[in-house]
Amino acid sequence: MTVVRSALLFVLAAILEIGGAWMVWQGVREHRGPAWVGAGVVTLGAYGFVATLQADSHFGRVLAAYGGVFVAGSLLWGVLMDGYRPDRADVIGALICLAGVAVIMYGPRGR
């Protein structure tokens, strides 16, 4: 159950970070105003908190692994929210990143 909880926390963190950054983008680049920017900043802060809920106590490991989730999640966000169409290289790259997440977070440790 620990892997499932960890994966769900990564998904929640991605939604918060990518969503928060997207809201700031919308507020500034798409001229939707300061309320969008403010909501984005609050959402980004929530992402920072969620990242601390991972069971692994090593900041570097958690954030390195999350980086792979961020890459794949960003592409998916673009598909869902902006109509982005990833090409084969995008998909392969995202799958490589997710494989890295699995190795970093859930691979056997030589302790």
N, C-alpha and C. Protein backbone atom coordinates (compact mmCIF):
# COMPACT_ATOMS: atom_id res chain seq x y z
N MET A 1 0.82 -1.21 0.00
CA MET A 1 0.00 0.00 0.00
C MET A 1 0.86 1.27 0.00
N THR A 2 2.10 1.17 0.44
CA THR A 2 2.97 2.33 0.48
C THR A 2 3.24 2.87 -0.92
N VAL A 3 3.45 1.99 -1.91
CA VAL A 3 3.70 2.43 -3.27
C VAL A 3 2.47 3.14 -3.83
N VAL A 4 1.29 2.61 -3.56
CA VAL A 4 0.06 3.23 -4.05
C VAL A 4 -0.11 4.62 -3.43
N ARG A 5 0.11 4.72 -2.12
CA ARG A 5 0.00 6.02 -1.43
C ARG A 5 1.01 7.00 -2.01
N SER A 6 2.23 6.56 -2.20
CA SER A 6 3.29 7.41 -2.75
C SER A 6 2.92 7.88 -4.16
N ALA A 7 2.44 6.98 -4.99
CA ALA A 7 2.05 7.34 -6.36
C ALA A 7 0.92 8.35 -6.34
N LEU A 8 -0.06 8.16 -5.47
CA LEU A 8 -1.17 9.11 -5.38
C LEU A 8 -0.70 10.48 -4.91
N LEU A 9 0.26 10.50 -3.99
CA LEU A 9 0.82 11.78 -3.55
C LEU A 9 1.55 12.46 -4.70
N PHE A 10 2.27 11.69 -5.51
CA PHE A 10 2.94 12.28 -6.68
C PHE A 10 1.92 12.87 -7.64
N VAL A 11 0.83 12.18 -7.86
CA VAL A 11 -0.21 12.68 -8.78
C VAL A 11 -0.82 13.98 -8.21
N LEU A 12 -1.13 13.98 -6.91
CA LEU A 12 -1.68 15.18 -6.29
C LEU A 12 -0.69 16.34 -6.37
N ALA A 13 0.58 16.05 -6.09
CA ALA A 13 1.60 17.09 -6.17
C ALA A 13 1.68 17.66 -7.59
N ALA A 14 1.61 16.79 -8.59
CA ALA A 14 1.67 17.26 -9.98
C ALA A 14 0.48 18.14 -10.32
N ILE A 15 -0.70 17.73 -9.89
CA ILE A 15 -1.89 18.54 -10.16
C ILE A 15 -1.74 19.92 -9.54
N LEU A 16 -1.25 19.96 -8.30
CA LEU A 16 -1.10 21.24 -7.63
C LEU A 16 -0.01 22.10 -8.25
N GLU A 17 1.16 21.51 -8.52
CA GLU A 17 2.24 22.32 -9.07
C GLU A 17 1.96 22.76 -10.50
N ILE A 18 1.57 21.83 -11.33
CA ILE A 18 1.32 22.17 -12.73
C ILE A 18 0.09 23.09 -12.83
N GLY A 19 -0.94 22.78 -12.05
CA GLY A 19 -2.13 23.63 -12.05
C GLY A 19 -1.83 25.03 -11.54
N GLY A 20 -1.03 25.12 -10.48
CA GLY A 20 -0.66 26.43 -9.95
C GLY A 20 0.13 27.25 -10.96
N ALA A 21 1.10 26.61 -11.59
CA ALA A 21 1.90 27.31 -12.60
C ALA A 21 1.04 27.72 -13.79
N TRP A 22 0.09 26.85 -14.16
CA TRP A 22 -0.81 27.16 -15.26
C TRP A 22 -1.69 28.37 -14.92
N MET A 23 -2.15 28.43 -13.65
CA MET A 23 -2.98 29.58 -13.25
C MET A 23 -2.18 30.88 -13.29
N VAL A 24 -0.93 30.84 -12.84
CA VAL A 24 -0.08 32.03 -12.93
C VAL A 24 0.10 32.41 -14.41
N TRP A 25 0.36 31.42 -15.25
CA TRP A 25 0.50 31.65 -16.69
C TRP A 25 -0.76 32.31 -17.25
N GLN A 26 -1.91 31.77 -16.88
CA GLN A 26 -3.16 32.33 -17.37
C GLN A 26 -3.34 33.76 -16.89
N GLY A 27 -3.01 34.02 -15.64
CA GLY A 27 -3.16 35.36 -15.09
C GLY A 27 -2.27 36.38 -15.77
N VAL A 28 -1.02 35.98 -16.06
CA VAL A 28 -0.05 36.92 -16.63
C VAL A 28 -0.08 36.90 -18.16
N ARG A 29 0.13 35.74 -18.74
CA ARG A 29 0.29 35.65 -20.20
C ARG A 29 -1.04 35.77 -20.94
N GLU A 30 -2.11 35.30 -20.33
CA GLU A 30 -3.41 35.35 -20.99
C GLU A 30 -4.28 36.49 -20.44
N HIS A 31 -3.69 37.33 -19.60
CA HIS A 31 -4.32 38.54 -19.08
C HIS A 31 -5.64 38.27 -18.34
N ARG A 32 -5.65 37.19 -17.55
CA ARG A 32 -6.86 36.89 -16.79
C ARG A 32 -6.88 37.59 -15.44
N GLY A 33 -5.79 38.21 -15.05
CA GLY A 33 -5.79 39.07 -13.89
C GLY A 33 -5.15 38.51 -12.64
N PRO A 34 -5.06 39.38 -11.63
CA PRO A 34 -4.36 39.04 -10.41
C PRO A 34 -5.01 37.92 -9.59
N ALA A 35 -6.31 37.74 -9.71
CA ALA A 35 -6.96 36.66 -8.96
C ALA A 35 -6.42 35.30 -9.42
N TRP A 36 -6.19 35.15 -10.72
CA TRP A 36 -5.61 33.91 -11.25
C TRP A 36 -4.20 33.72 -10.72
N VAL A 37 -3.42 34.80 -10.72
CA VAL A 37 -2.05 34.73 -10.23
C VAL A 37 -2.06 34.35 -8.76
N GLY A 38 -2.90 35.00 -7.96
CA GLY A 38 -2.97 34.70 -6.53
C GLY A 38 -3.39 33.26 -6.26
N ALA A 39 -4.38 32.80 -6.99
CA ALA A 39 -4.82 31.40 -6.83
C ALA A 39 -3.69 30.45 -7.20
N GLY A 40 -2.94 30.79 -8.22
CA GLY A 40 -1.81 29.97 -8.63
C GLY A 40 -0.74 29.91 -7.56
N VAL A 41 -0.44 31.04 -6.95
CA VAL A 41 0.58 31.08 -5.90
C VAL A 41 0.14 30.24 -4.70
N VAL A 42 -1.10 30.32 -4.31
CA VAL A 42 -1.60 29.50 -3.20
C VAL A 42 -1.53 28.01 -3.56
N THR A 43 -1.90 27.69 -4.77
CA THR A 43 -1.86 26.29 -5.22
C THR A 43 -0.43 25.77 -5.25
N LEU A 44 0.51 26.59 -5.69
CA LEU A 44 1.92 26.19 -5.68
C LEU A 44 2.41 25.95 -4.25
N GLY A 45 1.95 26.75 -3.31
CA GLY A 45 2.30 26.53 -1.90
C GLY A 45 1.76 25.21 -1.39
N ALA A 46 0.56 24.85 -1.81
CA ALA A 46 -0.03 23.57 -1.41
C ALA A 46 0.80 22.41 -1.97
N TYR A 47 1.30 22.57 -3.19
CA TYR A 47 2.19 21.55 -3.76
C TYR A 47 3.39 21.33 -2.85
N GLY A 48 4.00 22.39 -2.38
CA GLY A 48 5.17 22.27 -1.51
C GLY A 48 4.86 21.48 -0.26
N PHE A 49 3.68 21.63 0.27
CA PHE A 49 3.27 20.88 1.45
C PHE A 49 3.06 19.40 1.11
N VAL A 50 2.37 19.12 0.04
CA VAL A 50 2.07 17.73 -0.35
C VAL A 50 3.36 16.94 -0.57
N ALA A 51 4.36 17.58 -1.13
CA ALA A 51 5.63 16.89 -1.37
C ALA A 51 6.24 16.37 -0.06
N THR A 52 5.96 17.03 1.05
CA THR A 52 6.53 16.60 2.34
C THR A 52 5.84 15.35 2.89
N LEU A 53 4.73 14.94 2.32
CA LEU A 53 3.97 13.80 2.84
C LEU A 53 4.48 12.45 2.36
N GLN A 54 5.46 12.44 1.47
CA GLN A 54 6.04 11.17 1.03
C GLN A 54 6.70 10.47 2.21
N ALA A 55 6.62 9.16 2.24
CA ALA A 55 7.20 8.39 3.35
C ALA A 55 8.72 8.46 3.36
N ASP A 56 9.34 8.54 2.19
CA ASP A 56 10.80 8.62 2.13
C ASP A 56 11.26 9.95 2.72
N SER A 57 12.25 9.92 3.56
CA SER A 57 12.68 11.13 4.26
C SER A 57 13.79 11.89 3.53
N HIS A 58 14.18 11.47 2.36
CA HIS A 58 15.27 12.11 1.63
C HIS A 58 14.71 13.10 0.59
N PHE A 59 14.87 14.38 0.91
CA PHE A 59 14.35 15.44 0.05
C PHE A 59 14.82 15.28 -1.40
N GLY A 60 16.12 15.07 -1.58
CA GLY A 60 16.67 14.96 -2.92
C GLY A 60 16.05 13.83 -3.72
N ARG A 61 15.85 12.68 -3.07
CA ARG A 61 15.26 11.53 -3.76
C ARG A 61 13.82 11.82 -4.15
N VAL A 62 13.05 12.34 -3.22
CA VAL A 62 11.63 12.61 -3.49
C VAL A 62 11.49 13.62 -4.61
N LEU A 63 12.25 14.71 -4.54
CA LEU A 63 12.12 15.74 -5.57
C LEU A 63 12.67 15.29 -6.91
N ALA A 64 13.74 14.48 -6.91
CA ALA A 64 14.26 13.95 -8.17
C ALA A 64 13.22 13.05 -8.83
N ALA A 65 12.62 12.18 -8.04
CA ALA A 65 11.59 11.30 -8.59
C ALA A 65 10.38 12.10 -9.05
N TYR A 66 10.00 13.09 -8.27
CA TYR A 66 8.85 13.90 -8.64
C TYR A 66 9.10 14.60 -9.99
N GLY A 67 10.36 14.92 -10.27
CA GLY A 67 10.68 15.56 -11.55
C GLY A 67 10.17 14.75 -12.73
N GLY A 68 10.28 13.44 -12.65
CA GLY A 68 9.77 12.58 -13.72
C GLY A 68 8.26 12.63 -13.82
N VAL A 69 7.61 12.68 -12.67
CA VAL A 69 6.14 12.79 -12.66
C VAL A 69 5.74 14.14 -13.25
N PHE A 70 6.49 15.18 -12.91
CA PHE A 70 6.22 16.52 -13.43
C PHE A 70 6.30 16.54 -14.96
N VAL A 71 7.32 15.91 -15.52
CA VAL A 71 7.49 15.88 -16.98
C VAL A 71 6.27 15.25 -17.64
N ALA A 72 5.91 14.05 -17.19
CA ALA A 72 4.77 13.35 -17.78
C ALA A 72 3.47 14.10 -17.52
N GLY A 73 3.32 14.61 -16.31
CA GLY A 73 2.10 15.35 -15.95
C GLY A 73 1.95 16.63 -16.74
N SER A 74 3.05 17.30 -17.01
CA SER A 74 2.99 18.54 -17.78
C SER A 74 2.48 18.28 -19.20
N LEU A 75 2.97 17.21 -19.79
CA LEU A 75 2.49 16.86 -21.13
C LEU A 75 1.00 16.53 -21.11
N LEU A 76 0.59 15.75 -20.11
CA LEU A 76 -0.82 15.39 -19.99
C LEU A 76 -1.68 16.64 -19.74
N TRP A 77 -1.20 17.54 -18.89
CA TRP A 77 -1.93 18.78 -18.63
C TRP A 77 -2.12 19.56 -19.94
N GLY A 78 -1.05 19.63 -20.73
CA GLY A 78 -1.15 20.33 -22.01
C GLY A 78 -2.20 19.72 -22.92
N VAL A 79 -2.28 18.40 -22.91
CA VAL A 79 -3.29 17.70 -23.72
C VAL A 79 -4.69 18.08 -23.24
N LEU A 80 -4.90 18.00 -21.93
CA LEU A 80 -6.24 18.20 -21.37
C LEU A 80 -6.68 19.66 -21.35
N MET A 81 -5.75 20.57 -21.08
CA MET A 81 -6.14 21.97 -20.86
C MET A 81 -5.87 22.89 -22.05
N ASP A 82 -4.90 22.52 -22.88
CA ASP A 82 -4.51 23.43 -23.96
C ASP A 82 -4.59 22.80 -25.35
N GLY A 83 -5.05 21.56 -25.44
CA GLY A 83 -5.16 20.92 -26.73
C GLY A 83 -3.83 20.53 -27.36
N TYR A 84 -2.79 20.44 -26.55
CA TYR A 84 -1.47 20.06 -27.05
C TYR A 84 -1.47 18.62 -27.53
N ARG A 85 -0.79 18.35 -28.63
CA ARG A 85 -0.70 17.00 -29.19
C ARG A 85 0.75 16.53 -29.09
N PRO A 86 1.09 15.72 -28.08
CA PRO A 86 2.47 15.25 -27.97
C PRO A 86 2.84 14.35 -29.14
N ASP A 87 4.09 14.44 -29.55
CA ASP A 87 4.56 13.55 -30.61
C ASP A 87 5.22 12.32 -29.98
N ARG A 88 5.73 11.45 -30.82
CA ARG A 88 6.32 10.20 -30.35
C ARG A 88 7.47 10.46 -29.39
N ALA A 89 8.31 11.45 -29.68
CA ALA A 89 9.45 11.76 -28.80
C ALA A 89 8.96 12.23 -27.44
N ASP A 90 7.89 13.01 -27.39
CA ASP A 90 7.32 13.45 -26.11
C ASP A 90 6.88 12.24 -25.29
N VAL A 91 6.16 11.34 -25.93
CA VAL A 91 5.64 10.16 -25.22
C VAL A 91 6.78 9.26 -24.74
N ILE A 92 7.75 9.01 -25.60
CA ILE A 92 8.89 8.17 -25.21
C ILE A 92 9.66 8.83 -24.06
N GLY A 93 9.89 10.11 -24.16
CA GLY A 93 10.59 10.83 -23.10
C GLY A 93 9.85 10.75 -21.78
N ALA A 94 8.53 10.92 -21.81
CA ALA A 94 7.73 10.85 -20.58
C ALA A 94 7.79 9.44 -19.99
N LEU A 95 7.74 8.42 -20.83
CA LEU A 95 7.83 7.05 -20.32
C LEU A 95 9.19 6.77 -19.70
N ILE A 96 10.24 7.30 -20.31
CA ILE A 96 11.58 7.16 -19.72
C ILE A 96 11.62 7.84 -18.35
N CYS A 97 11.05 9.02 -18.26
CA CYS A 97 11.01 9.73 -16.97
C CYS A 97 10.25 8.93 -15.92
N LEU A 98 9.12 8.35 -16.29
CA LEU A 98 8.34 7.56 -15.33
C LEU A 98 9.08 6.29 -14.93
N ALA A 99 9.84 5.71 -15.85
CA ALA A 99 10.68 4.56 -15.48
C ALA A 99 11.73 5.01 -14.45
N GLY A 100 12.28 6.19 -14.64
CA GLY A 100 13.22 6.74 -13.67
C GLY A 100 12.59 6.94 -12.30
N VAL A 101 11.36 7.40 -12.27
CA VAL A 101 10.63 7.55 -11.01
C VAL A 101 10.56 6.21 -10.29
N ALA A 102 10.18 5.18 -11.03
CA ALA A 102 10.05 3.85 -10.43
C ALA A 102 11.37 3.36 -9.85
N VAL A 103 12.45 3.56 -10.58
CA VAL A 103 13.76 3.12 -10.10
C VAL A 103 14.17 3.92 -8.87
N ILE A 104 14.04 5.24 -8.94
CA ILE A 104 14.49 6.09 -7.84
C ILE A 104 13.68 5.83 -6.56
N MET A 105 12.38 5.77 -6.70
CA MET A 105 11.53 5.67 -5.49
C MET A 105 11.30 4.24 -5.01
N TYR A 106 11.18 3.31 -5.93
CA TYR A 106 10.70 1.99 -5.53
C TYR A 106 11.68 0.86 -5.82
N GLY A 107 12.83 1.21 -6.38
CA GLY A 107 13.84 0.18 -6.66
C GLY A 107 14.46 -0.33 -5.37
N PRO A 108 15.05 -1.52 -5.43
CA PRO A 108 15.69 -2.08 -4.23
C PRO A 108 16.87 -1.22 -3.80
N ARG A 109 17.05 -1.12 -2.53
CA ARG A 109 18.14 -0.33 -1.95
C ARG A 109 19.24 -1.28 -1.47
N GLY A 110 20.47 -0.96 -1.79
CA GLY A 110 21.61 -1.78 -1.38
C GLY A 110 22.15 -1.38 -0.02
N ARG A 111 21.31 -1.42 0.97
CA ARG A 111 21.73 -1.00 2.33
C ARG A 111 22.14 -2.18 3.14
